Amino acid sequence: MDQDELAEAIAKSGDEGSTTLDLSRKGLTTLPPEIGELTNLTWLDLSHNQLAA
C-alpha cells in the first residue's frame, strides 16, 4: 500500500465515522499523523508492520 492509498483509506474511515481500522500487513514503518484525526476509532490493528516506535 503506497502513501496515497493509505491516506485514502484513513480519510474514508474518517468520513464514514468508522470505529475500527485494520492497517495490518501494510508495510508501515511510521504511524501516519492522520490517524490522530480519527476521533471515533476504538480499535486499530497495526500488527505485522515494521513500526519501530
Protein backbone atom coordinates (compact mmCIF):
# COMPACT_ATOMS: atom_id res chain seq x y z
CA MET A 1 0.00 0.00 0.00
CA ASP A 2 1.54 3.31 -1.04
CA GLN A 3 1.15 6.59 0.84
CA ASP A 4 -1.72 7.81 -1.36
CA GLU A 5 -3.69 4.62 -0.84
CA LEU A 6 -3.02 4.78 2.89
CA ALA A 7 -4.18 8.40 3.09
CA GLU A 8 -7.31 7.49 1.12
CA ALA A 9 -8.13 4.58 3.45
CA ILE A 10 -7.69 6.79 6.52
CA ALA A 11 -9.77 9.60 5.00
CA LYS A 12 -12.54 7.16 4.06
CA SER A 13 -12.58 5.77 7.59
CA GLY A 14 -12.88 9.29 8.98
CA ASP A 15 -15.61 10.29 6.52
CA GLU A 16 -17.62 7.21 7.43
CA GLY A 17 -17.12 7.71 11.17
CA SER A 18 -15.68 4.22 11.47
CA THR A 19 -14.85 2.87 14.90
CA THR A 20 -12.40 0.26 13.56
CA LEU A 21 -9.49 0.40 11.14
CA ASP A 22 -7.33 -2.50 10.00
CA LEU A 23 -3.91 -1.39 8.78
CA SER A 24 -2.25 -4.73 9.46
CA ARG A 25 0.26 -6.05 6.92
CA LYS A 26 0.57 -2.71 5.09
CA GLY A 27 4.35 -2.36 5.33
CA LEU A 28 4.11 0.69 7.60
CA THR A 29 7.35 1.98 9.08
CA THR A 30 5.78 5.05 10.72
CA LEU A 31 2.34 5.86 12.03
CA PRO A 32 0.58 8.31 9.70
CA PRO A 33 -0.32 11.53 11.56
CA GLU A 34 -3.80 11.46 10.02
CA ILE A 35 -4.64 8.63 12.42
CA GLY A 36 -4.98 11.29 15.13
CA GLU A 37 -7.93 12.79 13.26
CA LEU A 38 -9.99 9.60 13.60
CA THR A 39 -11.76 10.52 16.81
CA ASN A 40 -14.33 7.71 16.56
CA LEU A 41 -11.72 4.91 16.50
CA THR A 42 -11.99 2.39 19.29
CA TRP A 43 -9.96 -0.40 17.58
CA LEU A 44 -6.86 -0.02 15.39
CA ASP A 45 -4.92 -3.02 14.10
CA LEU A 46 -1.29 -2.21 13.24
CA SER A 47 0.05 -5.75 13.56
CA HIS A 48 2.60 -7.22 11.16
CA ASN A 49 4.11 -3.90 10.09
CA GLN A 50 7.66 -2.60 10.58
CA LEU A 51 6.85 0.03 13.22
CA ALA A 52 9.84 0.65 15.46
CA ALA A 53 8.41 3.08 17.99
